[in-house]
């Protein structure tokens, strides 16, 4: 298999009666796995959610972003993926050390997430408040649940496939996904052709592992439907956390919590769930933050 940079391709087909997007996310998911030290089942769940978020983000506009989160009754508890329109992706799994026996020869993502719970999608499109939609889990396999969300919350029938292939040493060998949406007015023959193509297609992780890029994946699932490529986006792991953001987290705790930290007389360490970056704040740092809060309070009160 040759090396390819993670990327996403947007396309239409059948005279613009179909909208589709496909992504290769192997390196991005491997970076998330490395940072969180996740085991195979947790990695597969994390990769599917992150890839799903990237597919959704590609349907937005510049500057917009989306958060895809699954909470279930399985041992993983919670899996989150954040993606921006510009291709930045990050993800978080609450229990990264979860690994279950395979089921039907595949990693048991559904069992790890569970079937009792919710999938939520939050879109930040630059308005005062983000848009949020939520549905109950269907299978916990992520792709099926995302399809249900799109149908229920956005009234958009969609075929969603997400996959992660994990090697014997826990590293990610291939990851990717696709999203196909027949639009209003799509003919029955077009929908039937898509269904036949998808039924014949390999699992998306196998397609990526065999060397197919996102364009080739779309050409497989949209075979015979005159695919027209509309754009390409490079994808990458990017958390966006910083010491300044960590400091704002401390400020948000309020004076009482900060005073309690000072009384303990120890450095405070904040750890980012997404990238595992640590930010250390000394006693002097905490004292300075507390003084700054007091100054702001005086200014706002005067």
Protein backbone atom coordinates (compact mmCIF):
# COMPACT_ATOMS: atom_id res chain seq x y z
CA UNK A 1 0.00 0.00 0.00
CA UNK A 2 1.36 3.43 -0.91
CA UNK A 3 1.35 6.40 1.43
CA UNK A 4 -1.29 9.08 0.92
CA UNK A 5 -2.07 12.20 2.89
CA UNK A 6 -5.39 12.25 4.69
CA UNK A 7 -7.96 14.03 2.58
CA UNK A 8 -11.63 14.44 1.75
CA UNK A 9 -13.35 14.64 -1.64
CA UNK A 10 -16.74 16.23 -2.30
CA UNK A 11 -18.76 15.29 -5.35
CA UNK A 12 -22.15 15.18 -7.02
CA UNK A 13 -23.53 12.47 -9.29
CA UNK A 14 -26.45 11.65 -11.55
CA UNK A 15 -26.82 15.22 -12.75
CA UNK A 16 -26.54 16.66 -9.21
CA UNK A 17 -29.34 14.44 -7.93
CA UNK A 18 -26.83 12.93 -5.48
CA UNK A 19 -24.41 14.60 -3.06
CA UNK A 20 -21.48 12.60 -1.74
CA UNK A 21 -18.30 12.97 0.27
CA UNK A 22 -15.57 10.46 1.10
CA UNK A 23 -12.53 10.72 3.36
CA UNK A 24 -9.25 8.94 4.09
CA UNK A 25 -8.32 9.56 7.74
CA UNK A 26 -5.65 6.95 8.54
CA UNK A 27 -2.90 9.24 9.83
CA UNK A 28 -5.34 11.45 11.72
CA UNK A 29 -6.85 8.52 13.61
CA UNK A 30 -3.42 7.02 14.30
CA UNK A 31 -2.32 10.33 15.83
CA UNK A 32 -5.41 10.34 18.07
CA UNK A 33 -4.74 6.71 19.05
CA UNK A 34 -1.11 7.45 19.87
CA UNK A 35 -2.00 10.42 22.04
CA UNK A 36 -4.71 8.59 23.98
CA UNK A 37 -3.06 5.19 24.07
CA UNK A 38 -6.29 3.50 23.06
CA UNK A 39 -6.75 -0.22 22.52
CA UNK A 40 -8.21 -1.58 19.24
CA UNK A 41 -11.96 -1.49 19.98
CA UNK A 42 -11.72 1.97 21.52
CA UNK A 43 -9.57 3.10 18.58
CA UNK A 44 -12.12 1.83 16.05
CA UNK A 45 -14.95 3.67 17.83
CA UNK A 46 -12.89 6.85 18.12
CA UNK A 47 -11.88 6.69 14.47
CA UNK A 48 -15.41 6.17 13.23
CA UNK A 49 -16.71 9.11 15.26
CA UNK A 50 -13.87 11.43 14.18
CA UNK A 51 -14.31 10.46 10.54
CA UNK A 52 -18.07 10.93 10.78
CA UNK A 53 -17.51 14.41 12.20
CA UNK A 54 -15.18 15.24 9.30
CA UNK A 55 -17.82 14.15 6.77
CA UNK A 56 -20.46 16.32 8.44
CA UNK A 57 -18.12 19.32 8.69
CA UNK A 58 -17.47 19.17 4.94
CA UNK A 59 -21.14 19.99 4.34
CA UNK A 60 -20.85 23.27 6.27
CA UNK A 61 -19.13 26.53 5.30
CA UNK A 62 -15.78 28.19 5.99
CA UNK A 63 -15.32 28.90 9.70
CA UNK A 64 -17.99 26.43 10.79
CA UNK A 65 -17.42 23.31 12.88
CA UNK A 66 -19.29 20.28 14.18
CA UNK A 67 -19.14 18.03 17.22
CA UNK A 68 -20.37 14.44 16.99
CA UNK A 69 -20.84 12.67 20.32
CA UNK A 70 -22.10 9.20 21.25
CA UNK A 71 -22.99 8.30 24.82
CA UNK A 72 -24.02 4.72 25.47
CA UNK A 73 -24.43 2.01 28.07
CA UNK A 74 -21.37 0.12 26.80
CA UNK A 75 -17.95 0.19 28.49
CA UNK A 76 -16.64 3.08 26.35
CA UNK A 77 -19.24 5.40 27.94
CA UNK A 78 -18.59 8.37 25.63
CA UNK A 79 -16.88 9.05 22.30
CA UNK A 80 -16.54 12.54 20.81
CA UNK A 81 -15.27 13.87 17.50
CA UNK A 82 -14.74 17.54 16.61
CA UNK A 83 -14.15 18.67 13.02
CA UNK A 84 -13.82 22.02 11.31
CA UNK A 85 -14.63 22.88 7.70
CA UNK A 86 -10.92 23.58 7.13
CA UNK A 87 -9.97 19.95 7.83
CA UNK A 88 -8.88 20.12 11.46
CA UNK A 89 -10.08 17.06 13.41
CA UNK A 90 -9.71 15.88 16.98
CA UNK A 91 -11.40 13.23 19.12
CA UNK A 92 -11.78 11.84 22.61
CA UNK A 93 -12.84 8.48 24.05
CA UNK A 94 -13.59 8.41 27.77
CA UNK A 95 -12.38 4.82 28.30
CA UNK A 96 -9.48 4.33 25.87
CA UNK A 97 -8.39 1.02 27.42
CA UNK A 98 -11.58 -0.81 26.39
CA UNK A 99 -11.10 -3.78 24.06
CA UNK A 100 -13.77 -6.44 23.46
CA UNK A 101 -13.59 -9.82 21.72
CA UNK A 102 -14.26 -9.58 17.99
CA UNK A 103 -17.77 -10.24 16.74
CA UNK A 104 -18.27 -11.84 13.31
CA UNK A 105 -14.61 -11.18 12.57
CA UNK A 106 -14.86 -7.45 13.26
CA UNK A 107 -14.06 -5.18 16.17
CA UNK A 108 -17.17 -4.96 18.34
CA UNK A 109 -17.73 -1.21 18.28
CA UNK A 110 -21.46 -1.60 18.81
CA UNK A 111 -20.92 -3.64 21.96
CA UNK A 112 -18.35 -1.16 23.25
CA UNK A 113 -20.60 1.88 22.74
CA UNK A 114 -23.88 0.14 23.53
CA UNK A 115 -27.36 0.38 22.05
CA UNK A 116 -29.01 2.35 24.86
CA UNK A 117 -27.91 5.94 24.69
CA UNK A 118 -27.79 8.96 22.42
CA UNK A 119 -26.01 10.46 19.43
CA UNK A 120 -25.81 14.23 19.41
CA UNK A 121 -24.62 16.59 16.70
CA UNK A 122 -23.73 20.18 17.55
CA UNK A 123 -23.03 22.61 14.72
CA UNK A 124 -21.32 25.94 15.33
CA UNK A 125 -22.24 28.01 12.28
CA UNK A 126 -21.38 31.44 13.67
CA UNK A 127 -24.72 32.21 15.29
CA UNK A 128 -25.20 33.28 18.90
CA UNK A 129 -26.08 29.72 19.90
CA UNK A 130 -24.93 26.52 18.17
CA UNK A 131 -27.49 24.20 16.60
CA UNK A 132 -27.86 20.88 18.40
CA UNK A 133 -29.74 17.72 17.45
CA UNK A 134 -30.00 14.44 19.31
CA UNK A 135 -31.35 10.95 18.56
CA UNK A 136 -31.38 7.62 20.34
CA UNK A 137 -28.72 5.09 19.38
CA UNK A 138 -29.74 2.45 16.85
CA UNK A 139 -26.83 -0.01 16.82
CA UNK A 140 -23.89 1.80 18.40
CA UNK A 141 -21.89 1.08 15.24
CA UNK A 142 -21.75 4.85 14.52
CA UNK A 143 -22.50 4.73 10.78
CA UNK A 144 -26.05 3.44 11.28
CA UNK A 145 -26.59 5.91 14.10
CA UNK A 146 -25.39 8.82 11.99
CA UNK A 147 -27.72 7.77 9.17
CA UNK A 148 -30.60 7.73 11.65
CA UNK A 149 -29.68 11.21 12.88
CA UNK A 150 -29.58 12.64 9.36
CA UNK A 151 -32.95 11.09 8.53
CA UNK A 152 -34.68 12.01 11.79
CA UNK A 153 -33.20 15.42 12.57
CA UNK A 154 -32.46 16.74 9.08
CA UNK A 155 -35.00 14.75 7.00
CA UNK A 156 -32.15 13.67 4.72
CA UNK A 157 -31.90 9.99 3.74
CA UNK A 158 -28.19 9.08 3.77
CA UNK A 159 -25.92 6.09 3.36
CA UNK A 160 -23.00 6.32 5.78
CA UNK A 161 -20.04 3.95 5.97
CA UNK A 162 -17.21 4.38 8.47
CA UNK A 163 -14.30 2.04 9.10
CA UNK A 164 -11.01 1.64 10.96
CA UNK A 165 -8.55 -1.21 10.47
CA UNK A 166 -6.28 -1.75 13.47
CA UNK A 167 -3.06 -3.78 13.15
CA UNK A 168 -1.64 -6.41 15.48
CA UNK A 169 0.47 -3.81 17.29
CA UNK A 170 -2.59 -1.60 17.91
CA UNK A 171 -1.62 0.98 15.27
CA UNK A 172 -4.15 2.20 12.70
CA UNK A 173 -3.52 0.65 9.29
CA UNK A 174 -6.43 2.26 7.45
CA UNK A 175 -9.36 4.53 8.25
CA UNK A 176 -11.97 6.36 6.24
CA UNK A 177 -15.60 6.76 5.38
CA UNK A 178 -18.19 8.04 2.97
CA UNK A 179 -21.55 9.78 3.05
CA UNK A 180 -23.99 9.55 0.11
CA UNK A 181 -27.22 11.56 0.00
CA UNK A 182 -29.89 11.30 -2.71
CA UNK A 183 -31.36 14.79 -2.93
CA UNK A 184 -34.97 15.83 -3.46
CA UNK A 185 -36.07 14.65 -6.89
CA UNK A 186 -33.58 11.79 -7.16
CA UNK A 187 -35.05 9.09 -9.37
CA UNK A 188 -35.78 5.61 -8.04
CA UNK A 189 -33.36 4.12 -10.56
CA UNK A 190 -30.54 6.29 -9.17
CA UNK A 191 -31.26 5.26 -5.59
CA UNK A 192 -31.42 1.60 -6.62
CA UNK A 193 -28.04 1.91 -8.39
CA UNK A 194 -26.46 3.38 -5.27
CA UNK A 195 -27.86 0.57 -3.14
CA UNK A 196 -26.46 -2.03 -5.53
CA UNK A 197 -23.05 -0.38 -5.60
CA UNK A 198 -22.84 -0.16 -1.82
CA UNK A 199 -23.95 -3.79 -1.45
CA UNK A 200 -21.09 -4.88 -3.73
CA UNK A 201 -18.45 -2.56 -2.24
CA UNK A 202 -15.78 -3.73 0.19
CA UNK A 203 -15.80 -2.33 3.73
CA UNK A 204 -14.44 1.20 3.53
CA UNK A 205 -11.39 0.40 5.69
CA UNK A 206 -10.48 -2.42 3.28
CA UNK A 207 -10.76 -0.03 0.33
CA UNK A 208 -8.42 2.44 2.02
CA UNK A 209 -6.01 -0.34 3.00
CA UNK A 210 -5.89 -1.54 -0.61
CA UNK A 211 -4.70 1.91 -1.66
CA UNK A 212 -7.89 3.60 -2.85
CA UNK A 213 -8.09 7.33 -2.27
CA UNK A 214 -11.31 9.19 -1.50
CA UNK A 215 -12.06 9.84 -5.16
CA UNK A 216 -11.72 6.15 -6.04
CA UNK A 217 -13.99 5.22 -3.13
CA UNK A 218 -16.69 7.53 -4.46
CA UNK A 219 -16.27 6.16 -7.96
CA UNK A 220 -16.97 2.68 -6.55
CA UNK A 221 -20.10 3.57 -4.59
CA UNK A 222 -21.38 5.87 -7.35
CA UNK A 223 -20.39 3.69 -10.30
CA UNK A 224 -22.37 4.44 -13.45
CA UNK A 225 -23.75 7.72 -12.13
CA UNK A 226 -21.43 10.28 -13.76
CA UNK A 227 -19.47 11.45 -10.74
CA UNK A 228 -18.42 15.12 -10.79
CA UNK A 229 -15.73 16.13 -8.30
CA UNK A 230 -16.52 19.41 -6.55
CA UNK A 231 -13.59 19.87 -4.20
CA UNK A 232 -10.75 18.41 -2.17
CA UNK A 233 -9.81 19.15 1.43
CA UNK A 234 -6.67 18.04 3.27
CA UNK A 235 -7.38 16.54 6.72
CA UNK A 236 -5.19 16.58 9.83
CA UNK A 237 -5.23 16.02 13.58
CA UNK A 238 -5.32 19.44 15.25
CA UNK A 239 -6.50 20.01 18.78
CA UNK A 240 -6.32 23.79 19.13
CA UNK A 241 -5.84 23.70 22.89
CA UNK A 242 -3.38 26.15 24.44
CA UNK A 243 -2.10 27.45 27.75
CA UNK A 244 -4.33 30.50 27.33
CA UNK A 245 -7.40 28.26 27.00
CA UNK A 246 -6.31 26.27 30.03
CA UNK A 247 -6.01 29.52 31.96
CA UNK A 248 -9.53 30.49 30.95
CA UNK A 249 -10.69 27.15 32.36
CA UNK A 250 -9.12 28.06 35.69
CA UNK A 251 -10.71 31.51 35.63
CA UNK A 252 -14.10 29.92 35.03
CA UNK A 253 -13.74 27.94 38.25
CA UNK A 254 -14.08 31.16 40.23
CA UNK A 255 -12.22 32.71 43.18
CA UNK A 256 -13.29 30.14 45.78
CA UNK A 257 -11.86 27.17 43.84
CA UNK A 258 -8.65 29.08 43.13
CA UNK A 259 -8.24 29.99 46.80
CA UNK A 260 -8.64 26.31 47.67
CA UNK A 261 -5.87 25.49 45.19
CA UNK A 262 -3.62 28.08 46.80
CA UNK A 263 -4.33 26.61 50.24
CA UNK A 264 -3.15 23.19 49.02
CA UNK A 265 0.18 24.75 48.09
CA UNK A 266 0.72 22.54 45.01
CA UNK A 267 1.15 23.15 41.31
CA UNK A 268 -2.03 22.61 39.26
CA UNK A 269 -1.90 20.42 36.15
CA UNK A 270 -4.60 20.61 33.50
CA UNK A 271 -4.64 17.85 30.91
CA UNK A 272 -6.39 18.11 27.52
CA UNK A 273 -8.68 15.13 26.92
CA UNK A 274 -8.25 15.38 23.17
CA UNK A 275 -4.48 15.61 22.68
CA UNK A 276 -3.11 14.68 26.14
CA UNK A 277 -1.16 17.95 26.34
CA UNK A 278 -0.46 19.05 29.92
CA UNK A 279 -0.37 22.63 31.21
CA UNK A 280 1.27 23.27 34.58
CA UNK A 281 0.29 26.29 36.68
CA UNK A 282 2.50 27.12 39.66
CA UNK A 283 1.28 28.63 42.92
CA UNK A 284 2.46 32.00 41.64
CA UNK A 285 0.48 31.48 38.44
CA UNK A 286 -2.67 30.72 40.43
CA UNK A 287 -2.10 33.75 42.64
CA UNK A 288 -1.68 35.99 39.58
CA UNK A 289 -4.88 34.61 38.01
CA UNK A 290 -6.77 35.26 41.24
CA UNK A 291 -5.46 38.83 41.40
CA UNK A 292 -6.52 39.39 37.80
CA UNK A 293 -10.03 38.17 38.59
CA UNK A 294 -10.20 40.61 41.54
CA UNK A 295 -9.11 43.51 39.31
CA UNK A 296 -11.77 42.66 36.76
CA UNK A 297 -14.39 42.44 39.50
CA UNK A 298 -13.42 45.91 40.80
CA UNK A 299 -13.53 47.39 37.29
CA UNK A 300 -16.95 45.89 36.51
CA UNK A 301 -18.32 46.92 39.90
CA UNK A 302 -17.19 50.55 39.71
